[in-house]
Amino acid sequence: MTNYYWIIAQHSGKVLEVKDGSFCSSAEIFQCSKKSGLDPNVDIQLWYFNGGFIVNKRSGFVLDV
């Protein structure tokens, strides 16, 4: 079973989200208010760890900074 996490900024309390839920490999990531776990779009804010990478639940793309 995969564990999913919100990535929360300490300074703002906001979470990382994929802009517009994009499936584009160059999609923008920004901070916004945390969605409820019941929100159908919560997957754009959830991340998991896989082989040293941080992966978005919805798109399957890795976070790159």
N, C-alpha and C. Protein backbone atom coordinates (compact mmCIF):
# COMPACT_ATOMS: atom_id res chain seq x y z
N MET A 1 0.84 -1.19 0.00
CA MET A 1 0.00 0.00 0.00
C MET A 1 0.88 1.25 0.00
N THR A 2 0.56 2.18 -0.85
CA THR A 2 1.32 3.42 -0.95
C THR A 2 0.78 4.44 0.04
N ASN A 3 1.69 5.12 0.75
CA ASN A 3 1.30 6.21 1.64
C ASN A 3 1.44 7.52 0.89
N TYR A 4 0.41 8.35 0.96
CA TYR A 4 0.40 9.65 0.29
C TYR A 4 0.50 10.76 1.32
N TYR A 5 1.16 11.86 0.93
CA TYR A 5 1.42 12.95 1.85
C TYR A 5 1.15 14.30 1.19
N TRP A 6 0.77 15.27 2.01
CA TRP A 6 0.77 16.66 1.59
C TRP A 6 2.15 17.20 1.92
N ILE A 7 2.71 18.04 1.07
CA ILE A 7 3.97 18.72 1.36
C ILE A 7 3.60 20.13 1.80
N ILE A 8 3.83 20.42 3.08
CA ILE A 8 3.36 21.66 3.69
C ILE A 8 4.52 22.60 3.95
N ALA A 9 4.41 23.83 3.45
CA ALA A 9 5.44 24.86 3.68
C ALA A 9 5.33 25.34 5.12
N GLN A 10 6.45 25.36 5.82
CA GLN A 10 6.45 25.81 7.22
C GLN A 10 6.08 27.28 7.34
N HIS A 11 6.53 28.11 6.42
CA HIS A 11 6.33 29.56 6.55
C HIS A 11 4.89 29.99 6.25
N SER A 12 4.17 29.24 5.42
CA SER A 12 2.81 29.66 5.03
C SER A 12 1.71 28.70 5.47
N GLY A 13 2.10 27.45 5.76
CA GLY A 13 1.09 26.45 6.10
C GLY A 13 0.33 25.94 4.88
N LYS A 14 0.73 26.38 3.69
CA LYS A 14 0.06 25.95 2.46
C LYS A 14 0.77 24.71 1.90
N VAL A 15 0.09 24.03 0.99
CA VAL A 15 0.62 22.78 0.43
C VAL A 15 0.99 22.95 -1.04
N LEU A 16 1.85 22.05 -1.53
CA LEU A 16 2.20 22.07 -2.95
C LEU A 16 1.07 21.46 -3.77
N GLU A 17 0.77 22.09 -4.91
CA GLU A 17 -0.30 21.63 -5.78
C GLU A 17 0.15 21.76 -7.23
N VAL A 18 -0.23 20.79 -8.06
CA VAL A 18 0.03 20.86 -9.50
C VAL A 18 -1.02 21.80 -10.10
N LYS A 19 -0.56 22.85 -10.77
CA LYS A 19 -1.48 23.85 -11.32
C LYS A 19 -2.48 23.22 -12.28
N ASP A 20 -3.74 23.49 -12.02
CA ASP A 20 -4.86 23.01 -12.85
C ASP A 20 -4.90 21.49 -12.99
N GLY A 21 -4.21 20.76 -12.11
CA GLY A 21 -4.20 19.30 -12.20
C GLY A 21 -3.58 18.79 -13.48
N SER A 22 -2.65 19.56 -14.03
CA SER A 22 -2.06 19.27 -15.33
C SER A 22 -1.35 17.92 -15.38
N PHE A 23 -1.42 17.29 -16.55
CA PHE A 23 -0.66 16.07 -16.82
C PHE A 23 0.56 16.38 -17.69
N CYS A 24 0.86 17.65 -17.88
CA CYS A 24 2.01 18.08 -18.66
C CYS A 24 3.28 17.90 -17.83
N SER A 25 4.34 17.39 -18.44
CA SER A 25 5.58 17.15 -17.69
C SER A 25 6.25 18.43 -17.21
N SER A 26 5.85 19.57 -17.75
CA SER A 26 6.43 20.84 -17.30
C SER A 26 5.42 21.68 -16.52
N ALA A 27 4.43 21.03 -15.93
CA ALA A 27 3.38 21.74 -15.18
C ALA A 27 3.97 22.54 -14.03
N GLU A 28 3.36 23.67 -13.74
CA GLU A 28 3.79 24.50 -12.62
C GLU A 28 3.29 23.91 -11.31
N ILE A 29 4.11 24.11 -10.27
CA ILE A 29 3.75 23.71 -8.91
C ILE A 29 3.65 25.00 -8.10
N PHE A 30 2.61 25.13 -7.31
CA PHE A 30 2.47 26.33 -6.50
C PHE A 30 1.88 25.97 -5.14
N GLN A 31 1.84 26.95 -4.24
CA GLN A 31 1.29 26.75 -2.91
C GLN A 31 -0.17 27.19 -2.87
N CYS A 32 -0.99 26.42 -2.19
CA CYS A 32 -2.38 26.82 -2.00
C CYS A 32 -2.92 26.17 -0.74
N SER A 33 -4.14 26.49 -0.39
CA SER A 33 -4.77 25.93 0.80
C SER A 33 -4.99 24.44 0.62
N LYS A 34 -4.85 23.71 1.71
CA LYS A 34 -5.01 22.26 1.70
C LYS A 34 -6.47 21.89 1.43
N LYS A 35 -6.66 20.95 0.51
CA LYS A 35 -8.00 20.45 0.20
C LYS A 35 -8.37 19.36 1.20
N SER A 36 -9.65 19.18 1.40
CA SER A 36 -10.15 18.10 2.24
C SER A 36 -9.83 16.76 1.58
N GLY A 37 -9.61 15.74 2.38
CA GLY A 37 -9.39 14.41 1.85
C GLY A 37 -10.57 13.89 1.06
N LEU A 38 -11.74 14.52 1.22
CA LEU A 38 -12.94 14.11 0.49
C LEU A 38 -13.11 14.85 -0.83
N ASP A 39 -12.29 15.88 -1.07
CA ASP A 39 -12.37 16.65 -2.30
C ASP A 39 -11.94 15.77 -3.48
N PRO A 40 -12.72 15.71 -4.56
CA PRO A 40 -12.35 14.84 -5.69
C PRO A 40 -11.05 15.25 -6.38
N ASN A 41 -10.58 16.48 -6.15
CA ASN A 41 -9.33 16.94 -6.76
C ASN A 41 -8.15 16.92 -5.81
N VAL A 42 -8.28 16.26 -4.68
CA VAL A 42 -7.21 16.25 -3.69
C VAL A 42 -5.93 15.60 -4.24
N ASP A 43 -6.05 14.72 -5.23
CA ASP A 43 -4.87 14.02 -5.78
C ASP A 43 -3.81 14.97 -6.34
N ILE A 44 -4.21 16.18 -6.75
CA ILE A 44 -3.23 17.12 -7.29
C ILE A 44 -2.34 17.69 -6.19
N GLN A 45 -2.70 17.43 -4.93
CA GLN A 45 -1.91 17.90 -3.78
C GLN A 45 -1.19 16.77 -3.06
N LEU A 46 -1.44 15.55 -3.44
CA LEU A 46 -0.86 14.41 -2.73
C LEU A 46 0.38 13.88 -3.45
N TRP A 47 1.37 13.48 -2.64
CA TRP A 47 2.66 13.04 -3.14
C TRP A 47 3.07 11.76 -2.43
N TYR A 48 3.93 10.97 -3.08
CA TYR A 48 4.49 9.78 -2.44
C TYR A 48 5.96 9.66 -2.83
N PHE A 49 6.68 8.85 -2.07
CA PHE A 49 8.10 8.63 -2.30
C PHE A 49 8.29 7.32 -3.05
N ASN A 50 9.17 7.35 -4.08
CA ASN A 50 9.44 6.15 -4.87
C ASN A 50 10.88 6.20 -5.36
N GLY A 51 11.72 5.36 -4.82
CA GLY A 51 13.11 5.26 -5.27
C GLY A 51 13.88 6.56 -5.18
N GLY A 52 13.64 7.35 -4.15
CA GLY A 52 14.34 8.62 -3.97
C GLY A 52 13.68 9.79 -4.67
N PHE A 53 12.56 9.56 -5.32
CA PHE A 53 11.82 10.62 -6.01
C PHE A 53 10.53 10.94 -5.27
N ILE A 54 10.07 12.18 -5.43
CA ILE A 54 8.77 12.60 -4.91
C ILE A 54 7.83 12.65 -6.10
N VAL A 55 6.75 11.86 -6.04
CA VAL A 55 5.87 11.65 -7.19
C VAL A 55 4.46 12.15 -6.87
N ASN A 56 3.85 12.85 -7.83
CA ASN A 56 2.48 13.31 -7.65
C ASN A 56 1.51 12.15 -7.86
N LYS A 57 0.53 12.04 -6.97
CA LYS A 57 -0.43 10.93 -7.05
C LYS A 57 -1.22 10.95 -8.35
N ARG A 58 -1.71 12.10 -8.77
CA ARG A 58 -2.58 12.16 -9.95
C ARG A 58 -1.81 11.93 -11.26
N SER A 59 -0.73 12.67 -11.45
CA SER A 59 -0.04 12.64 -12.75
C SER A 59 1.00 11.53 -12.86
N GLY A 60 1.58 11.15 -11.72
CA GLY A 60 2.66 10.17 -11.75
C GLY A 60 4.00 10.79 -12.10
N PHE A 61 4.04 12.12 -12.29
CA PHE A 61 5.29 12.82 -12.59
C PHE A 61 6.04 13.15 -11.31
N VAL A 62 7.37 13.22 -11.42
CA VAL A 62 8.19 13.51 -10.24
C VAL A 62 8.38 15.01 -10.08
N LEU A 63 8.61 15.40 -8.83
CA LEU A 63 8.89 16.80 -8.51
C LEU A 63 10.34 17.09 -8.85
N ASP A 64 10.58 18.17 -9.57
CA ASP A 64 11.92 18.57 -9.97
C ASP A 64 12.09 20.05 -9.65
N VAL A 65 13.16 20.35 -8.92
CA VAL A 65 13.40 21.75 -8.55
C VAL A 65 14.73 22.23 -9.08
